[in-house]
Amino acid sequence: MKIALAQMSMTDKIEENLNKSLNFCDKAKDCDLLFFPEIQLSPFFPQYQNKNVEKYCLYESSSEIQKIKEKAKEHSIYISPNVYMSIENKKYDTSLWINRQGNIVDKAKMVHIAQAENFYEQDYYTPSDDGFKVFDTRFGTIGVGICWDQWFPETARCMALQGAELLFYPTAIGSEPILECDSMEHWRRCMQGHAASNLIPVIAANRIGEETVEPCPENGMQKSALNFYGSSFITDNTGALCAELPGGEEGVLVSTFDLDALKADRLNWGLFRDRRPEMYAKIVGK
């Protein structure tokens, strides 16, 4: 399976972000699947504490979604865009699963919702109670965990137990205003561990660029800025990096995987064969 991820910056203009996304669809037309970063059609509005972001909220019938569906059909590829979406009168951080015929066949919604300075995500996103989703393709099964979900080993293992053969994580991560650190290497190592402990490649797509908020009532009259560091990457099934993009560069990253060979390797290791779920009760305790 030949997979591609897009690393891109976003503006406050939905049309500009859409046109850029459609251009990436054209660039990845020879791949089997294209995967996008988190909330790809809007700025990172959770920097605001209280903002009307209705214009960024999409519906399955929205014209922007229809145009991405048309690209999937035109190039006969799977596409997984990530958008802010209204579903049954609730707002979710949502990864759509669009098949090669241009149809939405399923959706993954973010389960764990962050809440910190400049990341006021609980003010906008409803946490999903659907669990962690996997999607079937003609090649194999794909798992998708969204942004904050990527830090939880339970996300990766739950998708692996459902048969996921590749793990995808759309994300928006960058400067840490509270921690005052560069979290990039930590971020990567966390997901490299998911790959190694499940023997499944991980594909992480991040946004890039500085997004600034000037003092205003919607932000408590505080100026803020987040610098999204990109550094999107793909690991092999042992967690080793096999492809990566520079921090500030837009582009498409491509890797090819033999899913049958990866499945055989997992079986040979015996990690799933030797599990003892009866000993894991504390994992689901509070």
Protein backbone atom coordinates (compact mmCIF):
# COMPACT_ATOMS: atom_id res chain seq x y z
CA MET A 1 0.00 0.00 0.00
CA LYS A 2 1.41 3.36 -1.05
CA ILE A 3 0.41 5.99 1.49
CA ALA A 4 0.92 9.76 1.52
CA LEU A 5 0.53 12.44 4.15
CA ALA A 6 0.27 16.18 3.62
CA GLN A 7 2.09 18.70 5.82
CA MET A 8 0.63 22.18 5.43
CA SER A 9 0.00 25.60 6.96
CA MET A 10 -3.49 27.03 7.38
CA THR A 11 -4.96 30.53 7.20
CA ASP A 12 -8.24 31.97 8.47
CA LYS A 13 -9.71 31.63 4.95
CA ILE A 14 -11.44 28.31 4.38
CA GLU A 15 -11.23 28.62 0.59
CA GLU A 16 -7.45 29.04 0.65
CA ASN A 17 -7.05 25.99 2.88
CA LEU A 18 -9.40 23.99 0.67
CA ASN A 19 -7.54 24.88 -2.53
CA LYS A 20 -4.26 23.89 -0.94
CA SER A 21 -5.80 20.60 0.20
CA LEU A 22 -7.12 19.88 -3.29
CA ASN A 23 -3.67 20.61 -4.74
CA PHE A 24 -2.18 18.04 -2.37
CA CYS A 25 -4.81 15.56 -3.59
CA ASP A 26 -3.50 16.08 -7.13
CA LYS A 27 0.10 15.65 -6.00
CA ALA A 28 -0.76 12.34 -4.31
CA LYS A 29 -2.84 10.97 -7.20
CA ASP A 30 -0.47 8.05 -7.76
CA CYS A 31 -0.81 6.90 -4.13
CA ASP A 32 -3.43 4.62 -2.62
CA LEU A 33 -4.28 6.83 0.36
CA LEU A 34 -3.81 10.49 1.32
CA PHE A 35 -3.91 11.65 4.92
CA PHE A 36 -4.20 15.25 6.23
CA PRO A 37 -3.31 17.13 9.47
CA GLU A 38 -5.82 18.11 12.12
CA ILE A 39 -8.51 20.72 11.32
CA GLN A 40 -7.02 21.30 7.88
CA LEU A 41 -9.56 23.86 6.60
CA SER A 42 -9.33 26.43 9.41
CA PRO A 43 -6.89 28.23 11.69
CA PHE A 44 -6.30 26.68 15.09
CA PHE A 45 -9.22 28.47 16.73
CA PRO A 46 -8.87 26.71 20.15
CA GLN A 47 -6.28 29.39 20.93
CA TYR A 48 -9.33 31.51 21.71
CA GLN A 49 -11.16 30.96 24.96
CA ASN A 50 -14.52 32.08 23.63
CA LYS A 51 -14.93 32.56 19.90
CA ASN A 52 -17.79 32.08 17.49
CA VAL A 53 -16.32 29.53 15.08
CA GLU A 54 -19.53 28.48 13.39
CA LYS A 55 -18.13 29.42 9.97
CA TYR A 56 -15.44 26.77 10.37
CA CYS A 57 -17.91 24.05 11.29
CA LEU A 58 -18.74 21.76 8.38
CA TYR A 59 -21.48 19.28 7.65
CA GLU A 60 -21.34 16.14 5.57
CA SER A 61 -23.20 18.07 2.87
CA SER A 62 -20.80 21.08 2.92
CA SER A 63 -19.37 22.05 -0.46
CA GLU A 64 -15.81 21.76 0.88
CA ILE A 65 -16.38 18.11 1.77
CA GLN A 66 -17.99 17.46 -1.60
CA LYS A 67 -14.93 18.81 -3.43
CA ILE A 68 -12.59 16.53 -1.49
CA LYS A 69 -14.90 13.60 -2.23
CA GLU A 70 -14.70 14.47 -5.93
CA LYS A 71 -10.89 14.32 -5.78
CA ALA A 72 -11.03 10.85 -4.20
CA LYS A 73 -13.23 9.67 -7.05
CA GLU A 74 -11.21 11.48 -9.74
CA HIS A 75 -7.92 9.88 -8.67
CA SER A 76 -9.43 6.64 -7.29
CA ILE A 77 -7.66 7.03 -3.95
CA TYR A 78 -8.71 6.88 -0.31
CA ILE A 79 -8.62 10.29 1.38
CA SER A 80 -8.86 11.04 5.10
CA PRO A 81 -9.44 14.77 5.72
CA ASN A 82 -9.73 16.10 9.27
CA VAL A 83 -12.27 18.86 9.91
CA TYR A 84 -14.38 20.54 12.58
CA MET A 85 -17.77 18.92 11.97
CA SER A 86 -21.33 19.03 13.23
CA ILE A 87 -22.78 15.54 13.68
CA GLU A 88 -26.23 15.09 15.20
CA ASN A 89 -26.14 18.63 16.64
CA LYS A 90 -22.78 18.14 18.36
CA LYS A 91 -19.38 19.47 17.25
CA TYR A 92 -16.47 17.07 16.83
CA ASP A 93 -12.85 17.03 15.72
CA THR A 94 -13.46 14.54 12.93
CA SER A 95 -11.44 12.46 10.49
CA LEU A 96 -13.55 11.35 7.55
CA TRP A 97 -12.92 8.15 5.67
CA ILE A 98 -13.60 8.68 1.96
CA ASN A 99 -13.30 5.67 -0.33
CA ARG A 100 -12.03 5.50 -3.89
CA GLN A 101 -15.55 6.00 -5.25
CA GLY A 102 -15.78 9.33 -3.43
CA ASN A 103 -18.15 8.19 -0.69
CA ILE A 104 -17.87 8.86 3.05
CA VAL A 105 -17.98 5.39 4.55
CA ASP A 106 -17.16 6.23 8.18
CA LYS A 107 -15.90 8.88 10.59
CA ALA A 108 -13.43 8.88 13.49
CA LYS A 109 -13.96 11.49 16.21
CA MET A 110 -11.42 12.59 18.80
CA VAL A 111 -11.86 10.73 22.10
CA HIS A 112 -9.45 12.55 24.46
CA ILE A 113 -9.91 16.33 24.47
CA ALA A 114 -7.07 18.56 25.70
CA GLN A 115 -7.59 21.68 27.81
CA ALA A 116 -4.64 23.98 28.54
CA GLU A 117 -3.46 27.52 27.88
CA ASN A 118 -3.88 28.25 24.15
CA PHE A 119 -5.39 24.78 23.71
CA TYR A 120 -8.97 25.40 24.87
CA GLU A 121 -10.24 22.40 22.96
CA GLN A 122 -12.89 21.34 25.48
CA ASP A 123 -14.65 24.62 24.76
CA TYR A 124 -15.25 23.54 21.16
CA TYR A 125 -15.02 19.75 20.75
CA THR A 126 -17.38 17.11 22.07
CA PRO A 127 -15.47 14.01 23.23
CA SER A 128 -16.44 10.96 21.21
CA ASP A 129 -17.98 7.97 22.97
CA ASP A 130 -17.70 5.81 19.85
CA GLY A 131 -14.33 4.39 20.79
CA PHE A 132 -11.36 4.16 18.45
CA LYS A 133 -12.18 3.54 14.81
CA VAL A 134 -10.58 1.38 12.16
CA PHE A 135 -11.41 1.55 8.47
CA ASP A 136 -11.24 -1.17 5.85
CA THR A 137 -9.58 -0.66 2.49
CA ARG A 138 -8.99 -3.01 -0.43
CA PHE A 139 -5.43 -3.36 0.89
CA GLY A 140 -5.97 -3.77 4.61
CA THR A 141 -7.28 -2.09 7.77
CA ILE A 142 -6.37 1.44 8.87
CA GLY A 143 -6.65 2.91 12.39
CA VAL A 144 -7.07 6.66 13.02
CA GLY A 145 -6.44 8.42 16.35
CA ILE A 146 -6.73 12.21 16.49
CA CYS A 147 -4.18 14.60 18.07
CA TRP A 148 -4.36 14.24 21.89
CA ASP A 149 -5.40 10.60 21.37
CA GLN A 150 -1.87 9.95 20.09
CA TRP A 151 -0.38 10.34 23.57
CA PHE A 152 -2.38 7.45 25.00
CA PRO A 153 -1.01 3.94 24.43
CA GLU A 154 -4.55 2.61 24.85
CA THR A 155 -5.52 4.30 21.57
CA ALA A 156 -2.93 2.41 19.55
CA ARG A 157 -3.56 -0.92 21.27
CA CYS A 158 -7.35 -0.67 20.88
CA MET A 159 -6.95 -0.03 17.15
CA ALA A 160 -4.42 -2.86 16.85
CA LEU A 161 -6.82 -5.26 18.57
CA GLN A 162 -9.44 -4.32 16.00
CA GLY A 163 -7.10 -5.38 13.23
CA ALA A 164 -5.43 -2.09 12.29
CA GLU A 165 -2.38 -2.64 10.08
CA LEU A 166 -1.35 1.04 9.83
CA LEU A 167 -1.89 3.70 12.52
CA PHE A 168 -2.62 7.26 11.38
CA TYR A 169 -2.56 10.35 13.61
CA PRO A 170 -3.68 13.78 12.31
CA THR A 171 -2.33 16.41 14.68
CA ALA A 172 -1.79 20.09 15.47
CA ILE A 173 1.21 20.32 17.77
CA GLY A 174 3.85 22.95 18.25
CA SER A 175 5.12 25.39 20.84
CA GLU A 176 4.17 24.59 24.44
CA PRO A 177 3.20 27.84 26.26
CA ILE A 178 2.98 26.20 29.69
CA LEU A 179 5.79 23.65 29.51
CA GLU A 180 8.17 26.07 27.75
CA CYS A 181 9.91 23.27 25.91
CA ASP A 182 10.39 21.90 22.44
CA SER A 183 8.21 18.80 22.54
CA MET A 184 8.95 17.58 19.02
CA GLU A 185 11.35 14.76 19.88
CA HIS A 186 9.15 13.64 22.81
CA TRP A 187 6.11 13.65 20.49
CA ARG A 188 7.89 11.49 17.97
CA ARG A 189 9.28 9.04 20.51
CA CYS A 190 5.84 8.57 22.03
CA MET A 191 4.41 7.38 18.72
CA GLN A 192 7.52 5.48 17.73
CA GLY A 193 6.79 3.48 20.88
CA HIS A 194 3.24 2.79 19.70
CA ALA A 195 4.67 1.40 16.47
CA ALA A 196 7.28 -0.74 18.21
CA SER A 197 4.99 -2.18 20.89
CA ASN A 198 2.27 -3.08 18.38
CA LEU A 199 4.55 -3.89 15.43
CA ILE A 200 2.52 -1.54 13.25
CA PRO A 201 3.81 1.47 11.25
CA VAL A 202 2.71 4.92 12.46
CA ILE A 203 1.93 7.84 10.14
CA ALA A 204 1.72 11.30 11.75
CA ALA A 205 0.63 14.43 9.83
CA ASN A 206 1.17 17.80 11.50
CA ARG A 207 0.42 21.39 10.49
CA ILE A 208 3.12 24.07 10.23
CA GLY A 209 3.43 27.82 10.68
CA GLU A 210 2.89 30.45 13.35
CA GLU A 211 -0.73 31.30 14.16
CA THR A 212 -1.18 34.48 16.19
CA VAL A 213 -4.09 35.85 18.17
CA GLU A 214 -4.14 39.57 18.96
CA PRO A 215 -5.66 40.80 22.26
CA CYS A 216 -9.44 40.71 22.03
CA PRO A 217 -12.43 39.91 24.28
CA GLU A 218 -12.64 36.44 22.75
CA ASN A 219 -9.17 35.70 24.07
CA GLY A 220 -9.38 37.42 27.45
CA MET A 221 -7.44 40.40 25.98
CA GLN A 222 -4.32 38.24 25.86
CA LYS A 223 -1.99 38.06 22.88
CA SER A 224 -0.93 34.53 22.04
CA ALA A 225 0.87 32.59 19.35
CA LEU A 226 1.46 28.96 18.54
CA ASN A 227 4.23 27.82 16.23
CA PHE A 228 3.30 24.46 14.75
CA TYR A 229 6.51 22.60 14.09
CA GLY A 230 5.48 20.15 11.39
CA SER A 231 8.14 17.42 11.39
CA SER A 232 5.55 14.95 10.08
CA PHE A 233 6.89 11.43 9.87
CA ILE A 234 6.33 7.78 9.05
CA THR A 235 7.80 4.88 11.01
CA ASP A 236 8.24 1.26 10.10
CA ASN A 237 6.76 -1.52 12.25
CA THR A 238 9.67 -1.39 14.70
CA GLY A 239 9.24 2.35 15.36
CA ALA A 240 12.26 3.41 13.32
CA LEU A 241 11.77 6.55 11.23
CA CYS A 242 11.59 5.68 7.55
CA ALA A 243 10.47 9.07 6.19
CA GLU A 244 10.14 12.59 7.58
CA LEU A 245 9.57 16.19 6.52
CA PRO A 246 11.49 19.26 7.77
CA GLY A 247 9.79 21.39 10.37
CA GLY A 248 8.79 24.42 8.32
CA GLU A 249 8.25 22.92 4.89
CA GLU A 250 4.97 22.12 3.20
CA GLY A 251 4.89 18.94 1.18
CA VAL A 252 3.74 15.39 0.67
CA LEU A 253 5.52 12.47 2.33
CA VAL A 254 5.19 9.02 0.76
CA SER A 255 6.00 5.48 1.90
CA THR A 256 5.03 2.03 0.66
CA PHE A 257 4.25 -0.94 2.92
CA ASP A 258 3.74 -4.65 2.27
CA LEU A 259 0.88 -5.31 4.68
CA ASP A 260 1.08 -9.09 4.24
CA ALA A 261 4.75 -9.08 5.27
CA LEU A 262 3.97 -6.87 8.26
CA LYS A 263 1.18 -9.23 9.35
CA ALA A 264 3.54 -12.21 9.17
CA ASP A 265 6.08 -10.34 11.29
CA ARG A 266 3.49 -9.58 13.98
CA LEU A 267 2.49 -13.23 14.11
CA ASN A 268 6.10 -14.33 14.42
CA TRP A 269 6.70 -12.02 17.39
CA GLY A 270 3.72 -13.41 19.30
CA LEU A 271 2.95 -10.19 21.19
CA PHE A 272 -0.78 -10.49 20.66
CA ARG A 273 -0.79 -14.27 21.13
CA ASP A 274 0.73 -13.98 24.60
CA ARG A 275 -1.43 -11.18 25.94
CA ARG A 276 -3.15 -11.75 29.32
CA PRO A 277 -6.16 -9.40 29.35
CA GLU A 278 -7.34 -10.77 32.72
CA MET A 279 -4.32 -9.05 34.28
CA TYR A 280 -5.06 -5.64 32.80
CA ALA A 281 -8.02 -4.50 34.91
CA LYS A 282 -6.12 -1.52 36.33
CA ILE A 283 -5.77 -0.05 32.85
CA VAL A 284 -9.50 0.61 32.69
CA GLY A 285 -9.81 1.72 36.32
CA LYS A 286 -9.94 5.34 37.39
